PDB file of N, CA and C in Angstrom:
ATOM      1  N   MET A   1      -2.215 134.289 141.322  1.00  0.00           N
ATOM      2  CA  MET A   1      -1.562 134.085 142.221  1.00  0.00           C
ATOM      3  C   MET A   1      -2.527 133.156 143.023  1.00  0.00           C
ATOM      4  N   ALA A   2      -2.107 132.581 144.014  1.00  0.00           N
ATOM      5  CA  ALA A   2      -3.004 131.115 144.623  1.00  0.00           C
ATOM      6  C   ALA A   2      -3.325 132.298 145.784  1.00  0.00           C
ATOM      7  N   HIS A   3      -4.923 132.049 146.153  1.00  0.00           N
ATOM      8  CA  HIS A   3      -5.756 132.849 147.323  1.00  0.00           C
ATOM      9  C   HIS A   3      -6.323 131.895 147.915  1.00  0.00           C
ATOM     10  N   PRO A   4      -5.966 131.750 149.292  1.00  0.00           N
ATOM     11  CA  PRO A   4      -6.916 130.364 150.591  1.00  0.00           C
ATOM     12  C   PRO A   4      -8.083 131.016 150.145  1.00  0.00           C
ATOM     13  N   LYS A   5      -8.759 130.286 150.605  1.00  0.00           N
ATOM     14  CA  LYS A   5     -10.384 130.216 150.673  1.00  0.00           C
ATOM     15  C   LYS A   5     -10.875 129.832 152.239  1.00  0.00           C
ATOM     16  N   ARG A   6      -9.913 129.356 152.583  1.00  0.00           N
ATOM     17  CA  ARG A   6     -10.406 129.232 154.241  1.00  0.00           C
ATOM     18  C   ARG A   6      -8.843 129.720 155.036  1.00  0.00           C
ATOM     19  N   LYS A   7      -9.208 130.200 156.109  1.00  0.00           N
ATOM     20  CA  LYS A   7      -7.531 130.298 157.067  1.00  0.00           C
ATOM     21  C   LYS A   7      -7.241 129.278 157.613  1.00  0.00           C
ATOM     22  N   THR A   8      -5.915 128.274 157.499  1.00  0.00           N
ATOM     23  CA  THR A   8      -5.382 127.308 157.600  1.00  0.00           C
ATOM     24  C   THR A   8      -5.134 127.794 158.944  1.00  0.00           C
ATOM     25  N   SER A   9      -5.515 126.684 159.697  1.00  0.00           N
ATOM     26  CA  SER A   9      -6.096 126.254 161.449  1.00  0.00           C
ATOM     27  C   SER A   9      -4.802 125.966 161.792  1.00  0.00           C
ATOM     28  N   LYS A  10      -3.974 126.312 163.029  1.00  0.00           N
ATOM     29  CA  LYS A  10      -2.846 126.121 163.740  1.00  0.00           C
ATOM     30  C   LYS A  10      -2.520 124.844 163.897  1.00  0.00           C
ATOM     31  N   THR A  11      -3.662 123.489 164.269  1.00  0.00           N
ATOM     32  CA  THR A  11      -3.313 122.538 163.997  1.00  0.00           C
ATOM     33  C   THR A  11      -2.963 121.898 162.706  1.00  0.00           C
ATOM     34  N   ARG A  12      -3.681 122.302 162.077  1.00  0.00           N
ATOM     35  CA  ARG A  12      -3.564 121.518 160.617  1.00  0.00           C
ATOM     36  C   ARG A  12      -2.269 122.404 159.923  1.00  0.00           C
ATOM     37  N   ARG A  13      -1.766 123.460 160.418  1.00  0.00           N
ATOM     38  CA  ARG A  13      -0.446 124.037 160.112  1.00  0.00           C
ATOM     39  C   ARG A  13       0.905 123.105 160.953  1.00  0.00           C
ATOM     40  N   ASP A  14       0.368 122.930 161.868  1.00  0.00           N
ATOM     41  CA  ASP A  14       1.557 122.208 162.491  1.00  0.00           C
ATOM     42  C   ASP A  14       1.644 120.920 162.495  1.00  0.00           C
ATOM     43  N   LYS A  15       0.498 120.164 161.619  1.00  0.00           N
ATOM     44  CA  LYS A  15       0.517 118.862 161.608  1.00  0.00           C
ATOM     45  C   LYS A  15       1.395 118.687 160.279  1.00  0.00           C
ATOM     46  N   ARG A  16       1.440 119.691 159.058  1.00  0.00           N
ATOM     47  CA  ARG A  16       2.191 119.716 158.180  1.00  0.00           C
ATOM     48  C   ARG A  16       3.795 120.201 158.378  1.00  0.00           C
ATOM     49  N   ARG A  17       4.062 120.808 159.363  1.00  0.00           N
ATOM     50  CA  ARG A  17       5.110 120.593 159.850  1.00  0.00           C
ATOM     51  C   ARG A  17       6.175 119.928 160.055  1.00  0.00           C
ATOM     52  N   THR A  18       5.392 119.088 161.049  1.00  0.00           N
ATOM     53  CA  THR A  18       5.767 118.069 161.671  1.00  0.00           C
ATOM     54  C   THR A  18       6.816 117.238 161.530  1.00  0.00           C
ATOM     55  N   HIS A  19       7.490 116.993 160.080  1.00  0.00           N
ATOM     56  CA  HIS A  19       8.175 116.277 159.217  1.00  0.00           C
ATOM     57  C   HIS A  19       9.184 117.137 158.737  1.00  0.00           C
ATOM     58  N   TYR A  20       9.719 118.603 159.020  1.00  0.00           N
ATOM     59  CA  TYR A  20      10.100 119.417 159.080  1.00  0.00           C
ATOM     60  C   TYR A  20      11.494 119.690 160.174  1.00  0.00           C
ATOM     61  N   LYS A  21      11.835 118.653 160.436  1.00  0.00           N
ATOM     62  CA  LYS A  21      13.038 118.462 161.698  1.00  0.00           C
ATOM     63  C   LYS A  21      14.483 118.040 161.461  1.00  0.00           C
ATOM     64  N   ALA A  22      15.482 118.893 162.570  1.00  0.00           N
ATOM     65  CA  ALA A  22      16.625 118.673 162.116  1.00  0.00           C
ATOM     66  C   ALA A  22      16.697 117.377 162.713  1.00  0.00           C
ATOM     67  N   VAL A  23      17.671 116.727 162.068  1.00  0.00           N
ATOM     68  CA  VAL A  23      18.653 114.895 162.281  1.00  0.00           C
ATOM     69  C   VAL A  23      19.985 115.113 162.830  1.00  0.00           C
ATOM     70  N   ALA A  24      19.856 114.577 164.037  1.00  0.00           N
ATOM     71  CA  ALA A  24      20.975 114.493 165.253  1.00  0.00           C
ATOM     72  C   ALA A  24      22.606 113.608 163.632  1.00  0.00           C
ATOM     73  N   PRO A  25      23.204 114.604 163.933  1.00  0.00           N
ATOM     74  CA  PRO A  25      24.410 113.583 162.850  1.00  0.00           C
ATOM     75  C   PRO A  25      25.048 112.289 163.710  1.00  0.00           C
ATOM     76  N   THR A  26      24.919 111.163 163.114  1.00  0.00           N
ATOM     77  CA  THR A  26      24.960 109.891 163.564  1.00  0.00           C
ATOM     78  C   THR A  26      26.953 109.550 163.968  1.00  0.00           C
ATOM     79  N   ILE A  27      27.056 109.450 164.827  1.00  0.00           N
ATOM     80  CA  ILE A  27      28.394 109.631 165.477  1.00  0.00           C
ATOM     81  C   ILE A  27      29.179 108.446 165.965  1.00  0.00           C
ATOM     82  N   ALA A  28      30.331 108.038 165.264  1.00  0.00           N
ATOM     83  CA  ALA A  28      30.719 107.066 165.853  1.00  0.00           C
ATOM     84  C   ALA A  28      32.247 107.257 166.632  1.00  0.00           C
ATOM     85  N   THR A  29      33.211 105.979 167.101  1.00  0.00           N
ATOM     86  CA  THR A  29      33.851 106.480 168.040  1.00  0.00           C
ATOM     87  C   THR A  29      34.648 105.191 167.492  1.00  0.00           C
ATOM     88  N   CYS A  30      36.238 105.577 167.020  1.00  0.00           N
ATOM     89  CA  CYS A  30      36.585 104.748 166.051  1.00  0.00           C
ATOM     90  C   CYS A  30      37.683 103.911 167.679  1.00  0.00           C
ATOM     91  N   PRO A  31      37.741 102.755 166.979  1.00  0.00           N
ATOM     92  CA  PRO A  31      38.294 101.558 168.541  1.00  0.00           C
ATOM     93  C   PRO A  31      39.928 101.862 168.415  1.00  0.00           C
ATOM     94  N   VAL A  32      40.426 102.436 167.124  1.00  0.00           N
ATOM     95  CA  VAL A  32      41.913 102.539 167.138  1.00  0.00           C
ATOM     96  C   VAL A  32      42.433 103.676 168.038  1.00  0.00           C
ATOM     97  N   THR A  33      41.889 104.747 167.656  1.00  0.00           N
ATOM     98  CA  THR A  33      42.002 106.169 168.278  1.00  0.00           C
ATOM     99  C   THR A  33      41.304 106.571 169.814  1.00  0.00           C
ATOM    100  N   GLY A  34      39.852 106.191 169.502  1.00  0.00           N
ATOM    101  CA  GLY A  34      39.287 106.603 170.429  1.00  0.00           C
ATOM    102  C   GLY A  34      38.526 108.182 170.474  1.00  0.00           C
ATOM    103  N   GLU A  35      38.886 108.368 169.198  1.00  0.00           N
ATOM    104  CA  GLU A  35      37.942 109.648 168.790  1.00  0.00           C
ATOM    105  C   GLU A  35      36.618 109.470 168.017  1.00  0.00           C
ATOM    106  N   ALA A  36      35.741 110.695 168.279  1.00  0.00           N
ATOM    107  CA  ALA A  36      34.813 110.057 167.579  1.00  0.00           C
ATOM    108  C   ALA A  36      34.892 111.167 165.887  1.00  0.00           C
ATOM    109  N   HIS A  37      34.095 111.054 165.690  1.00  0.00           N
ATOM    110  CA  HIS A  37      33.846 111.231 164.205  1.00  0.00           C
ATOM    111  C   HIS A  37      32.362 110.647 163.352  1.00  0.00           C
ATOM    112  N   LEU A  38      31.818 111.342 161.967  1.00  0.00           N
ATOM    113  CA  LEU A  38      31.144 111.183 161.208  1.00  0.00           C
ATOM    114  C   LEU A  38      31.350 109.438 160.870  1.00  0.00           C
ATOM    115  N   TYR A  39      29.412 109.025 160.515  1.00  0.00           N
ATOM    116  CA  TYR A  39      30.227 107.695 159.839  1.00  0.00           C
ATOM    117  C   TYR A  39      30.175 107.511 158.290  1.00  0.00           C
ATOM    118  N   HIS A  40      31.463 106.729 158.092  1.00  0.00           N
ATOM    119  CA  HIS A  40      31.637 106.957 156.329  1.00  0.00           C
ATOM    120  C   HIS A  40      32.593 107.740 156.338  1.00  0.00           C
ATOM    121  N   ARG A  41      33.926 108.624 156.891  1.00  0.00           N
ATOM    122  CA  ARG A  41      34.167 109.722 156.651  1.00  0.00           C
ATOM    123  C   ARG A  41      35.605 109.929 157.214  1.00  0.00           C
ATOM    124  N   ALA A  42      36.639 109.935 156.962  1.00  0.00           N
ATOM    125  CA  ALA A  42      37.926 109.802 156.975  1.00  0.00           C
ATOM    126  C   ALA A  42      37.892 111.260 158.074  1.00  0.00           C
ATOM    127  N   TYR A  43      38.988 111.107 159.214  1.00  0.00           N
ATOM    128  CA  TYR A  43      39.135 112.142 159.956  1.00  0.00           C
ATOM    129  C   TYR A  43      40.834 112.313 160.589  1.00  0.00           C
ATOM    130  N   TRP A  44      41.006 113.379 160.850  1.00  0.00           N
ATOM    131  CA  TRP A  44      42.488 113.420 161.586  1.00  0.00           C
ATOM    132  C   TRP A  44      42.645 113.366 162.897  1.00  0.00           C
ATOM    133  N   HIS A  45      44.094 112.896 163.383  1.00  0.00           N
ATOM    134  CA  HIS A  45      44.165 112.545 164.544  1.00  0.00           C
ATOM    135  C   HIS A  45      45.696 112.446 165.134  1.00  0.00           C
ATOM    136  N   GLU A  46      45.885 113.160 164.966  1.00  0.00           N
ATOM    137  CA  GLU A  46      47.646 113.660 165.822  1.00  0.00           C
ATOM    138  C   GLU A  46      48.403 113.939 164.358  1.00  0.00           C
ATOM    139  N   GLY A  47      48.115 114.306 163.635  1.00  0.00           N
ATOM    140  CA  GLY A  47      48.643 114.504 162.393  1.00  0.00           C
ATOM    141  C   GLY A  47      48.681 112.958 160.723  1.00  0.00           C
ATOM    142  N   LYS A  48      47.525 112.290 161.359  1.00  0.00           N
ATOM    143  CA  LYS A  48      47.266 111.088 160.760  1.00  0.00           C
ATOM    144  C   LYS A  48      45.824 110.959 160.292  1.00  0.00           C
ATOM    145  N   MET A  49      45.569 110.781 159.164  1.00  0.00           N
ATOM    146  CA  MET A  49      44.380 110.598 158.809  1.00  0.00           C
ATOM    147  C   MET A  49      43.697 108.973 158.718  1.00  0.00           C
ATOM    148  N   TYR A  50      42.644 109.013 160.013  1.00  0.00           N
ATOM    149  CA  TYR A  50      42.079 107.706 159.874  1.00  0.00           C
ATOM    150  C   TYR A  50      41.005 107.281 158.953  1.00  0.00           C
ATOM    151  N   TYR A  51      40.602 106.009 158.688  1.00  0.00           N
ATOM    152  CA  TYR A  51      39.800 105.197 157.427  1.00  0.00           C
ATOM    153  C   TYR A  51      39.298 104.394 158.091  1.00  0.00           C
ATOM    154  N   ARG A  52      38.231 103.618 158.751  1.00  0.00           N
ATOM    155  CA  ARG A  52      37.888 102.515 159.332  1.00  0.00           C
ATOM    156  C   ARG A  52      39.099 101.951 159.615  1.00  0.00           C
ATOM    157  N   GLY A  53      40.011 102.739 160.888  1.00  0.00           N
ATOM    158  CA  GLY A  53      40.565 101.699 161.698  1.00  0.00           C
ATOM    159  C   GLY A  53      41.995 101.700 161.013  1.00  0.00           C
ATOM    160  N   GLN A  54      41.862 102.517 160.056  1.00  0.00           N
ATOM    161  CA  GLN A  54      43.749 102.434 159.399  1.00  0.00           C
ATOM    162  C   GLN A  54      43.840 103.841 158.868  1.00  0.00           C
ATOM    163  N   VAL A  55      45.164 103.926 158.885  1.00  0.00           N
ATOM    164  CA  VAL A  55      45.656 104.807 158.283  1.00  0.00           C
ATOM    165  C   VAL A  55      45.702 104.955 156.974  1.00  0.00           C
ATOM    166  N   VAL A  56      45.711 106.262 156.434  1.00  0.00           N
ATOM    167  CA  VAL A  56      45.759 106.951 155.045  1.00  0.00           C
ATOM    168  C   VAL A  56      46.442 107.388 154.456  1.00  0.00           C
ATOM    169  N   ILE A  57      46.631 108.601 155.250  1.00  0.00           N
ATOM    170  CA  ILE A  57      47.118 109.842 155.281  1.00  0.00           C
ATOM    171  C   ILE A  57      48.495 110.097 156.721  1.00  0.00           C
ATOM    172  N   ASP A  58      49.933 110.123 156.341  1.00  0.00           N
ATOM    173  CA  ASP A  58      50.845 110.213 157.698  1.00  0.00           C
ATOM    174  C   ASP A  58      51.197 111.270 157.410  1.00  0.00           C
ATOM    175  N   LYS A  59      51.110 112.556 157.557  1.00  0.00           N
ATOM    176  CA  LYS A  59      51.524 114.014 157.952  1.00  0.00           C
ATOM    177  C   LYS A  59      52.565 114.050 159.032  1.00  0.00           C
ATOM    178  N   THR A  60      52.640 113.153 159.615  1.00  0.00           N
ATOM    179  CA  THR A  60      53.685 113.330 160.699  1.00  0.00           C
ATOM    180  C   THR A  60      55.273 112.966 160.175  1.00  0.00           C
ATOM    181  N   ALA A  61      55.394 112.058 159.738  1.00  0.00           N
ATOM    182  CA  ALA A  61      56.646 111.939 158.773  1.00  0.00           C
ATOM    183  C   ALA A  61      57.300 112.498 158.205  1.00  0.00           C
ATOM    184  N   GLU A  62      56.423 113.641 157.022  1.00  0.00           N
ATOM    185  CA  GLU A  62      57.091 114.239 156.124  1.00  0.00           C
ATOM    186  C   GLU A  62      57.333 115.761 156.946  1.00  0.00           C
ATOM    187  N   VAL A  63      56.745 115.926 158.174  1.00  0.00           N
ATOM    188  CA  VAL A  63      57.320 117.570 159.041  1.00  0.00           C
ATOM    189  C   VAL A  63      58.415 116.890 159.560  1.00  0.00           C
ATOM    190  N   GLU A  64      58.675 115.539 160.035  1.00  0.00           N
ATOM    191  CA  GLU A  64      60.221 115.271 160.732  1.00  0.00           C
ATOM    192  C   GLU A  64      61.112 115.374 159.570  1.00  0.00           C
ATOM    193  N   ALA A  65      60.906 114.231 158.763  1.00  0.00           N
ATOM    194  CA  ALA A  65      61.801 114.508 157.626  1.00  0.00           C
ATOM    195  C   ALA A  65      62.093 116.094 156.682  1.00  0.00           C
TER     196      ALA A  65
END
């Protein structure tokens, strides 16, 4: 089993940990609906699924019919 020869200093430990950080998700705003959503993802808005500003699935027609 590995056994450290010297104690790792706080500075060295913290320098190593600088790369472990949370990344904020990139949020896009749809020009058609104004809804905030993740980039390259489809999203629901008022019973319709949008992707790249176009309706992909329309659930409102199925519910009314």
